[in-house]
C-alpha atoms as a PDB file:
ATOM      1  CA  MET A   1      26.229  16.258  13.929  1.00  0.00           C
ATOM      2  CA  ALA A   2      24.607  17.266  11.032  1.00  0.00           C
ATOM      3  CA  CYS A   3      23.348  16.133   7.498  1.00  0.00           C
ATOM      4  CA  LYS A   4      26.037  15.774   4.973  1.00  0.00           C
ATOM      5  CA  ASN A   5      23.705  16.230   1.972  1.00  0.00           C
ATOM      6  CA  CYS A   6      24.376  12.862   0.330  1.00  0.00           C
ATOM      7  CA  GLY A   7      20.700  11.896  -0.069  1.00  0.00           C
ATOM      8  CA  GLU A   8      21.386   8.235   0.971  1.00  0.00           C
ATOM      9  CA  CYS A   9      18.456   8.173   3.428  1.00  0.00           C
ATOM     10  CA  CYS A  10      16.126  10.316   1.730  1.00  0.00           C
ATOM     11  CA  CYS A  11      13.188   8.172   0.465  1.00  0.00           C
ATOM     12  CA  SER A  12       9.431   8.932  -0.300  1.00  0.00           C
ATOM     13  CA  VAL A  13       7.620   9.346   3.056  1.00  0.00           C
ATOM     14  CA  ALA A  14       3.638   9.634   3.541  1.00  0.00           C
ATOM     15  CA  PHE A  15       2.597  13.230   4.195  1.00  0.00           C
ATOM     16  CA  SER A  16      -0.476  14.125   6.479  1.00  0.00           C
ATOM     17  CA  GLY A  17      -3.066  16.526   4.724  1.00  0.00           C
ATOM     18  CA  ASP A  18      -1.471  19.531   6.448  1.00  0.00           C
ATOM     19  CA  GLU A  19       1.944  18.840   5.477  1.00  0.00           C
ATOM     20  CA  ARG A  20       0.910  17.847   1.680  1.00  0.00           C
ATOM     21  CA  ASP A  21      -0.923  21.074   1.743  1.00  0.00           C
ATOM     22  CA  ARG A  22       2.235  23.203   3.106  1.00  0.00           C
ATOM     23  CA  VAL A  23       4.476  21.698   0.771  1.00  0.00           C
ATOM     24  CA  LYS A  24       2.408  22.029  -2.396  1.00  0.00           C
ATOM     25  CA  LYS A  25       2.353  25.846  -2.071  1.00  0.00           C
ATOM     26  CA  ILE A  26       6.385  25.878  -2.381  1.00  0.00           C
ATOM     27  CA  THR A  27       6.735  23.237  -4.703  1.00  0.00           C
ATOM     28  CA  ARG A  28       4.267  24.020  -7.699  1.00  0.00           C
ATOM     29  CA  GLY A  29       6.924  23.796 -10.363  1.00  0.00           C
ATOM     30  CA  LEU A  30       7.779  20.190  -9.624  1.00  0.00           C
ATOM     31  CA  ASN A  31       4.519  18.813 -11.041  1.00  0.00           C
ATOM     32  CA  LEU A  32       4.177  16.142  -8.494  1.00  0.00           C
ATOM     33  CA  GLY A  33       1.455  13.746  -7.864  1.00  0.00           C
ATOM     34  CA  TRP A  34      -0.257  12.767  -4.509  1.00  0.00           C
ATOM     35  CA  LYS A  35      -1.323   9.235  -3.969  1.00  0.00           C
ATOM     36  CA  LYS A  36      -3.747   8.875  -1.121  1.00  0.00           C
ATOM     37  CA  LEU A  37      -3.046   6.005   1.404  1.00  0.00           C
ATOM     38  CA  GLU A  38      -4.872   4.755   4.253  1.00  0.00           C
ATOM     39  CA  LEU A  39      -3.380   3.666   7.534  1.00  0.00           C
ATOM     40  CA  GLN A  40      -5.519   1.582   9.655  1.00  0.00           C
ATOM     41  CA  ARG A  41      -5.004   3.203  13.285  1.00  0.00           C
ATOM     42  CA  THR A  42      -7.258   1.186  15.216  1.00  0.00           C
ATOM     43  CA  LYS A  43     -10.468  -1.297  13.990  1.00  0.00           C
ATOM     44  CA  ASN A  44     -12.306   2.056  13.775  1.00  0.00           C
ATOM     45  CA  THR A  45     -10.109   4.966  12.948  1.00  0.00           C
ATOM     46  CA  THR A  46      -8.230   5.173   9.730  1.00  0.00           C
ATOM     47  CA  GLU A  47      -5.632   7.869   8.947  1.00  0.00           C
ATOM     48  CA  ILE A  48      -5.687   9.597   5.521  1.00  0.00           C
ATOM     49  CA  LEU A  49      -2.157   9.878   4.462  1.00  0.00           C
ATOM     50  CA  TYR A  50      -0.477  11.430   0.950  1.00  0.00           C
ATOM     51  CA  LEU A  51       2.699  10.129  -1.004  1.00  0.00           C
ATOM     52  CA  PRO A  52       4.030  12.265  -3.465  1.00  0.00           C
ATOM     53  CA  TYR A  53       5.553  11.061  -6.867  1.00  0.00           C
ATOM     54  CA  SER A  54       6.926  12.116  -9.768  1.00  0.00           C
ATOM     55  CA  GLN A  55       6.940  10.810 -13.221  1.00  0.00           C
ATOM     56  CA  ASN A  56       9.952   8.824 -12.727  1.00  0.00           C
ATOM     57  CA  ASN A  57       8.421   6.690  -9.974  1.00  0.00           C
ATOM     58  CA  ALA A  58       4.663   6.708 -10.729  1.00  0.00           C
ATOM     59  CA  VAL A  59       4.351   3.111 -11.554  1.00  0.00           C
ATOM     60  CA  LEU A  60       5.991   1.949  -8.392  1.00  0.00           C
ATOM     61  CA  VAL A  61       3.972   4.631  -6.260  1.00  0.00           C
ATOM     62  CA  ASN A  62       0.656   3.631  -7.890  1.00  0.00           C
ATOM     63  CA  SER A  63       1.461  -0.143  -6.955  1.00  0.00           C
ATOM     64  CA  VAL A  64       1.356   0.876  -2.992  1.00  0.00           C
ATOM     65  CA  HIS A  65      -2.123   0.312  -1.851  1.00  0.00           C
ATOM     66  CA  ASN A  66      -1.633   1.009   1.741  1.00  0.00           C
ATOM     67  CA  TYR A  67       0.540   2.807   3.817  1.00  0.00           C
ATOM     68  CA  ILE A  68       1.855  -0.533   5.569  1.00  0.00           C
ATOM     69  CA  ALA A  69       3.015  -1.860   1.958  1.00  0.00           C
ATOM     70  CA  LEU A  70       5.145   1.341   1.648  1.00  0.00           C
ATOM     71  CA  VAL A  71       6.961   0.457   4.349  1.00  0.00           C
ATOM     72  CA  ASP A  72       9.055  -2.271   2.349  1.00  0.00           C
ATOM     73  CA  ILE A  73       9.673  -0.494  -0.707  1.00  0.00           C
ATOM     74  CA  ASP A  74      12.479   1.997  -1.038  1.00  0.00           C
ATOM     75  CA  ILE A  75      11.160   5.124  -3.393  1.00  0.00           C
ATOM     76  CA  PRO A  76      13.596   7.868  -3.850  1.00  0.00           C
ATOM     77  CA  CYS A  77      11.942  10.952  -2.620  1.00  0.00           C
ATOM     78  CA  PRO A  78      10.898  13.137  -5.721  1.00  0.00           C
ATOM     79  CA  PHE A  79      11.732  16.553  -3.506  1.00  0.00           C
ATOM     80  CA  LEU A  80      15.574  15.496  -3.412  1.00  0.00           C
ATOM     81  CA  VAL A  81      17.496  17.859  -5.847  1.00  0.00           C
ATOM     82  CA  HIS A  82      20.984  16.649  -6.858  1.00  0.00           C
ATOM     83  CA  ASP A  83      23.838  19.107  -7.784  1.00  0.00           C
ATOM     84  CA  ASN A  84      26.024  17.785 -10.740  1.00  0.00           C
ATOM     85  CA  VAL A  85      28.770  20.302  -9.641  1.00  0.00           C
ATOM     86  CA  SER A  86      29.071  19.860  -6.016  1.00  0.00           C
ATOM     87  CA  GLY A  87      27.828  16.325  -5.944  1.00  0.00           C
ATOM     88  CA  LYS A  88      25.602  17.377  -3.250  1.00  0.00           C
ATOM     89  CA  THR A  89      21.819  17.056  -2.494  1.00  0.00           C
ATOM     90  CA  SER A  90      19.353  19.360  -1.195  1.00  0.00           C
ATOM     91  CA  CYS A  91      15.615  19.259  -0.303  1.00  0.00           C
ATOM     92  CA  ALA A  92      13.133  21.364  -2.568  1.00  0.00           C
ATOM     93  CA  CYS A  93      10.692  21.355   0.458  1.00  0.00           C
ATOM     94  CA  TYR A  94      13.392  21.530   3.323  1.00  0.00           C
ATOM     95  CA  GLU A  95      11.759  24.600   5.316  1.00  0.00           C
ATOM     96  CA  SER A  96       8.142  22.686   5.060  1.00  0.00           C
ATOM     97  CA  ARG A  97       9.424  19.175   5.163  1.00  0.00           C
ATOM     98  CA  PRO A  98       7.036  16.426   6.957  1.00  0.00           C
ATOM     99  CA  ALA A  99       7.821  15.437  10.971  1.00  0.00           C
ATOM    100  CA  ILE A 100       9.314  12.309   9.901  1.00  0.00           C
ATOM    101  CA  CYS A 101      11.904  14.149   7.797  1.00  0.00           C
ATOM    102  CA  ARG A 102      12.634  16.633  10.785  1.00  0.00           C
ATOM    103  CA  LYS A 103      13.158  13.435  13.320  1.00  0.00           C
ATOM    104  CA  PHE A 104      15.617  11.556  10.812  1.00  0.00           C
ATOM    105  CA  GLY A 105      19.094  11.473  12.171  1.00  0.00           C
ATOM    106  CA  THR A 106      18.550  13.282  15.421  1.00  0.00           C
ATOM    107  CA  LEU A 107      18.113  10.188  17.514  1.00  0.00           C
ATOM    108  CA  GLY A 108      21.187   8.669  17.064  1.00  0.00           C
ATOM    109  CA  GLN A 109      21.422   4.798  16.655  1.00  0.00           C
ATOM    110  CA  THR A 110      18.340   4.399  18.973  1.00  0.00           C
ATOM    111  CA  ASN A 111      15.933   3.960  16.503  1.00  0.00           C
ATOM    112  CA  GLN A 112      16.968   1.843  13.309  1.00  0.00           C
ATOM    113  CA  TYR A 113      14.267   3.392  11.023  1.00  0.00           C
ATOM    114  CA  LEU A 114      15.457   7.049  11.761  1.00  0.00           C
ATOM    115  CA  TYR A 115      18.899   6.168  11.647  1.00  0.00           C
ATOM    116  CA  CYS A 116      21.390   7.363   8.617  1.00  0.00           C
ATOM    117  CA  GLU A 117      24.841   5.845   9.123  1.00  0.00           C
ATOM    118  CA  ASN A 118      26.397   9.007   6.944  1.00  0.00           C
ATOM    119  CA  PHE A 119      24.900  11.284   9.503  1.00  0.00           C
ATOM    120  CA  GLY A 120      27.648  13.483  10.842  1.00  0.00           C
ATOM    121  CA  ARG A 121      30.592  11.798   9.110  1.00  0.00           C
END
């Protein structure tokens, strides 16, 4: 089973600091911004994550105040590149994509948040 490059399941996800640094190096030409989000792990620990955004979705992204609010909003991924000739999409940061993207579709239907109904069709 493999990704069919339809782009249907690709939405913005939060990056760790290391993931953001790797992706920034290979996508400099995309002119993206990075919104800092806080994820409260426990009472005393907070994880800092970063949400990439383009000019097209900057207003929506900037309305997200924390990581939990992000879960309910469908924000298109700014790294998703559509080819008008083939109708397929590709990821501008595929080789350095975050861990959540690497896991997506690999668990079958066992995880509803990491499942794409177009995967493998």
